[in-house]
Amino acid sequence: MEKTRIVLLGANGRMGQAIHRLALADAAFEIVALVTRSDPKARVVDQIACYSVKEIAAVPDFDVLIDFSLPEGFDTALQLCADRGRALVSGTTGLSEHQQAAITATAAKIPVLWASNFSLGVAVLEALVARAAAQLPGWNCDIVESHHVHKKDAPSGTALTLGKAAADAGADVHYASVRAGDIVGEHLVQFTSIGERIELVHRATHRDIFARGALHAAQWLKSRAPGQYKIADSLD
């Protein structure tokens, strides 16, 4: 089997470390470069060359760049993929409207898959939320998301994605955020009317589910035509 060659941006983060570990253990993948926001402490890790973001133009050839960094590094990742004609998988949240527009524009040239959450279960949850909102007009829709104390953005990118699915189907969405302990990620979407309530819940208990989802997306995306894709597309 031909390996999927990966450049990993955000290699020092929680997600980056999980993707690194799982890719090393899977013969379907080869990490050709690790990229960090600051100068790497070591230039070679696990026999993989390490670069800072400012050096990213020097990375070897690759099939897919996986980006789990911060919004400040996203533009560099997108431009590199456009320049090289390679696919981009990104889970960086907190992107500006300008950056979201750049994804759409660049997707005319390369395949791009951006997601706020790479859990395959959350992709199914998004479809269920859209269906419930469409079939329950006038019901209250509340989204409660819970994460670890180190998560900076609130509401979470996943909550906003779920909220958009509900809003596009006609719901008036309200959000609440909890930051506590080491919660990996929990999302409750609640539809409420007089005398009844529907709760759709996804609980992540290990960060590896997101890393596995990102690798699944990378392997699927590398052979796609230019376009803007979602995780759900890879499940068809």
Protein backbone atom coordinates (compact mmCIF):
# COMPACT_ATOMS: atom_id res chain seq x y z
CA MET A 1 0.00 0.00 0.00
CA GLU A 2 1.25 3.47 -0.89
CA LYS A 3 1.78 5.52 2.24
CA THR A 4 0.10 8.87 2.84
CA ARG A 5 2.91 11.40 3.40
CA ILE A 6 2.06 13.92 6.09
CA VAL A 7 3.39 17.25 7.26
CA LEU A 8 2.11 17.87 10.79
CA LEU A 9 1.68 21.51 11.89
CA GLY A 10 1.10 22.01 15.60
CA ALA A 11 3.25 19.00 16.40
CA ASN A 12 3.81 20.02 20.04
CA GLY A 13 0.12 20.42 20.90
CA ARG A 14 -2.12 17.78 22.42
CA MET A 15 -3.65 16.85 19.09
CA GLY A 16 -0.33 17.02 17.28
CA GLN A 17 1.27 14.62 19.74
CA ALA A 18 -1.63 12.17 19.45
CA ILE A 19 -1.54 12.23 15.63
CA HIS A 20 2.25 11.79 15.70
CA ARG A 21 2.00 8.75 17.97
CA LEU A 22 -0.81 7.05 16.03
CA ALA A 23 0.74 7.72 12.61
CA LEU A 24 4.04 6.19 13.70
CA ALA A 25 2.17 3.00 14.63
CA ASP A 26 0.25 2.79 11.34
CA ALA A 27 2.01 1.54 8.20
CA ALA A 28 -0.43 3.53 6.03
CA PHE A 29 1.21 6.84 7.02
CA GLU A 30 4.60 8.51 6.88
CA ILE A 31 5.23 11.78 8.69
CA VAL A 32 7.79 13.62 6.58
CA ALA A 33 8.01 16.77 8.73
CA LEU A 34 6.96 18.13 12.10
CA VAL A 35 6.25 21.87 12.31
CA THR A 36 5.96 23.94 15.50
CA ARG A 37 5.11 27.59 16.13
CA SER A 38 8.50 28.33 17.66
CA ASP A 39 11.94 26.99 16.86
CA PRO A 40 11.89 23.25 17.67
CA LYS A 41 13.96 22.10 20.63
CA ALA A 42 15.24 19.20 18.54
CA ARG A 43 15.79 19.21 14.79
CA VAL A 44 15.00 15.50 14.48
CA VAL A 45 12.40 13.56 16.48
CA ASP A 46 11.69 9.86 15.80
CA GLN A 47 13.87 10.29 12.69
CA ILE A 48 11.50 13.01 11.44
CA ALA A 49 12.83 16.46 10.52
CA CYS A 50 11.46 19.35 12.61
CA TYR A 51 10.84 22.91 11.41
CA SER A 52 9.44 26.14 12.80
CA VAL A 53 6.49 27.82 11.07
CA LYS A 54 8.83 30.42 9.55
CA GLU A 55 10.77 27.55 7.92
CA ILE A 56 7.72 25.72 6.58
CA ALA A 57 8.53 26.44 2.93
CA ALA A 58 11.53 24.11 3.31
CA VAL A 59 9.56 20.97 4.25
CA PRO A 60 9.89 17.93 1.94
CA ASP A 61 7.19 16.92 -0.52
CA PHE A 62 4.00 15.60 1.04
CA ASP A 63 0.47 14.44 0.21
CA VAL A 64 -1.48 16.10 3.01
CA LEU A 65 -0.69 18.80 5.57
CA ILE A 66 -2.51 18.22 8.86
CA ASP A 67 -2.92 21.47 10.80
CA PHE A 68 -3.84 21.60 14.48
CA SER A 69 -2.25 24.88 15.45
CA LEU A 70 -3.59 28.37 16.16
CA PRO A 71 -5.24 30.86 13.77
CA GLU A 72 -1.91 32.69 13.42
CA GLY A 73 -0.37 29.64 11.73
CA PHE A 74 -3.31 28.70 9.55
CA ASP A 75 -2.63 31.16 6.72
CA THR A 76 0.89 29.79 6.32
CA ALA A 77 -0.42 26.22 6.11
CA LEU A 78 -3.09 27.09 3.56
CA GLN A 79 -0.64 29.01 1.38
CA LEU A 80 1.92 26.20 1.43
CA CYS A 81 -0.68 23.67 0.31
CA ALA A 82 -1.88 26.00 -2.44
CA ASP A 83 1.70 26.56 -3.62
CA ARG A 84 2.49 22.83 -3.62
CA GLY A 85 -0.90 21.68 -4.96
CA ARG A 86 -1.39 19.44 -1.93
CA ALA A 87 -4.35 18.67 0.31
CA LEU A 88 -5.03 20.37 3.66
CA VAL A 89 -6.75 18.86 6.69
CA SER A 90 -7.24 21.47 9.41
CA GLY A 91 -8.79 21.35 12.85
CA THR A 92 -7.66 24.82 13.93
CA THR A 93 -10.56 26.65 15.54
CA GLY A 94 -11.14 30.35 16.11
CA LEU A 95 -10.57 31.23 12.45
CA SER A 96 -11.69 34.67 11.29
CA GLU A 97 -14.29 35.27 8.59
CA HIS A 98 -11.42 36.25 6.29
CA GLN A 99 -9.70 32.92 6.92
CA GLN A 100 -12.92 30.98 6.35
CA ALA A 101 -13.33 32.84 3.07
CA ALA A 102 -9.76 31.94 2.15
CA ILE A 103 -10.60 28.25 2.63
CA THR A 104 -13.46 28.56 0.14
CA ALA A 105 -11.30 30.42 -2.38
CA THR A 106 -8.35 28.01 -2.10
CA ALA A 107 -10.63 24.97 -2.38
CA ALA A 108 -10.99 25.85 -6.07
CA LYS A 109 -7.35 24.74 -6.44
CA ILE A 110 -6.80 21.99 -3.85
CA PRO A 111 -8.87 19.65 -1.67
CA VAL A 112 -9.46 21.20 1.77
CA LEU A 113 -11.18 19.61 4.75
CA TRP A 114 -11.69 21.86 7.75
CA ALA A 115 -13.60 20.61 10.77
CA SER A 116 -14.04 21.84 14.30
CA ASN A 117 -14.20 18.23 15.48
CA PHE A 118 -12.74 15.11 13.84
CA SER A 119 -14.82 12.59 15.75
CA LEU A 120 -16.83 10.47 13.33
CA GLY A 121 -19.56 10.36 15.97
CA VAL A 122 -19.82 14.15 16.01
CA ALA A 123 -20.25 14.12 12.22
CA VAL A 124 -23.28 11.88 12.69
CA LEU A 125 -24.51 14.08 15.56
CA GLU A 126 -24.42 17.14 13.29
CA ALA A 127 -26.75 15.40 10.83
CA LEU A 128 -29.12 14.40 13.65
CA VAL A 129 -29.19 17.97 14.98
CA ALA A 130 -30.09 19.35 11.57
CA ARG A 131 -32.88 16.81 11.19
CA ALA A 132 -34.30 17.46 14.66
CA ALA A 133 -34.25 21.24 14.17
CA ALA A 134 -36.06 20.95 10.85
CA GLN A 135 -38.77 18.70 12.28
CA LEU A 136 -39.27 20.63 15.52
CA PRO A 137 -40.00 24.24 14.49
CA GLY A 138 -40.55 26.58 17.41
CA TRP A 139 -38.76 24.41 19.94
CA ASN A 140 -36.00 25.90 22.09
CA CYS A 141 -32.51 24.80 21.08
CA ASP A 142 -29.70 25.00 23.64
CA ILE A 143 -26.15 23.74 23.25
CA VAL A 144 -24.01 23.10 26.32
CA GLU A 145 -20.34 22.29 25.71
CA SER A 146 -17.82 21.21 28.33
CA HIS A 147 -14.02 21.08 27.98
CA HIS A 148 -10.82 21.08 30.01
CA VAL A 149 -9.66 24.23 31.77
CA HIS A 150 -6.95 24.94 29.19
CA LYS A 151 -9.31 25.36 26.23
CA LYS A 152 -9.32 29.02 25.20
CA ASP A 153 -12.22 29.49 22.79
CA ALA A 154 -15.83 29.46 23.97
CA PRO A 155 -18.24 28.37 22.66
CA SER A 156 -16.16 25.58 21.20
CA GLY A 157 -15.78 25.25 17.47
CA THR A 158 -17.80 22.04 17.61
CA ALA A 159 -20.65 23.78 19.44
CA LEU A 160 -20.70 26.49 16.78
CA THR A 161 -20.75 23.86 14.02
CA LEU A 162 -23.66 22.06 15.67
CA GLY A 163 -25.38 25.40 16.22
CA LYS A 164 -25.02 26.31 12.56
CA ALA A 165 -26.57 22.98 11.57
CA ALA A 166 -29.55 23.77 13.81
CA ALA A 167 -29.80 27.43 12.75
CA ASP A 168 -29.68 26.55 9.05
CA ALA A 169 -32.70 24.33 9.72
CA GLY A 170 -34.57 27.21 11.38
CA ALA A 171 -33.73 26.93 15.08
CA ASP A 172 -32.91 29.84 17.40
CA VAL A 173 -29.77 28.56 19.12
CA HIS A 174 -28.37 29.48 22.53
CA TYR A 175 -24.98 28.41 23.94
CA ALA A 176 -23.43 27.70 27.33
CA SER A 177 -19.81 26.75 28.04
CA VAL A 178 -18.16 24.90 30.92
CA ARG A 179 -14.40 24.76 31.53
CA ALA A 180 -13.50 22.24 34.22
CA GLY A 181 -10.82 19.71 35.08
CA ASP A 182 -9.53 17.56 32.24
CA ILE A 183 -12.78 17.05 30.31
CA VAL A 184 -11.83 15.99 26.78
CA GLY A 185 -15.04 17.18 25.21
CA GLU A 186 -18.80 16.90 25.78
CA HIS A 187 -21.59 18.41 23.67
CA LEU A 188 -25.24 18.40 24.62
CA VAL A 189 -27.81 19.66 22.11
CA GLN A 190 -31.18 20.07 23.80
CA PHE A 191 -34.52 20.68 22.06
CA THR A 192 -37.26 21.68 24.48
CA SER A 193 -40.98 22.30 24.20
CA ILE A 194 -43.85 22.36 26.70
CA GLY A 195 -43.89 19.01 28.44
CA GLU A 196 -41.11 17.32 26.52
CA ARG A 197 -37.39 17.45 25.78
CA ILE A 198 -34.99 15.76 23.41
CA GLU A 199 -31.28 15.53 24.27
CA LEU A 200 -28.59 14.60 21.76
CA VAL A 201 -25.23 14.05 23.47
CA HIS A 202 -21.70 13.20 22.40
CA ARG A 203 -19.01 12.51 25.00
CA ALA A 204 -15.37 12.09 24.09
CA THR A 205 -13.34 10.22 26.70
CA HIS A 206 -10.01 10.07 24.87
CA ARG A 207 -8.30 12.52 22.52
CA ASP A 208 -7.23 9.68 20.25
CA ILE A 209 -10.68 9.63 18.62
CA PHE A 210 -9.93 13.05 17.10
CA ALA A 211 -6.44 12.01 16.02
CA ARG A 212 -7.80 8.86 14.36
CA GLY A 213 -10.46 10.95 12.63
CA ALA A 214 -7.83 13.38 11.31
CA LEU A 215 -5.73 10.54 9.91
CA HIS A 216 -8.84 8.97 8.37
CA ALA A 217 -9.61 12.33 6.75
CA ALA A 218 -6.06 12.74 5.45
CA GLN A 219 -5.99 9.33 3.84
CA TRP A 220 -9.40 9.92 2.24
CA LEU A 221 -8.66 13.49 1.10
CA LYS A 222 -5.35 12.97 -0.69
CA SER A 223 -7.01 11.44 -3.76
CA ARG A 224 -9.93 13.90 -3.97
CA ALA A 225 -10.45 16.58 -6.56
CA PRO A 226 -10.14 20.23 -5.49
CA GLY A 227 -13.04 21.25 -3.30
CA GLN A 228 -14.20 22.05 0.23
CA TYR A 229 -15.09 18.92 2.17
CA LYS A 230 -16.52 17.92 5.55
CA ILE A 231 -15.91 14.87 7.71
CA ALA A 232 -19.36 13.59 6.80
CA ASP A 233 -18.28 13.42 3.15
CA SER A 234 -15.68 10.81 4.06
CA LEU A 235 -18.36 8.56 5.57
CA ASP A 236 -20.44 8.17 2.37
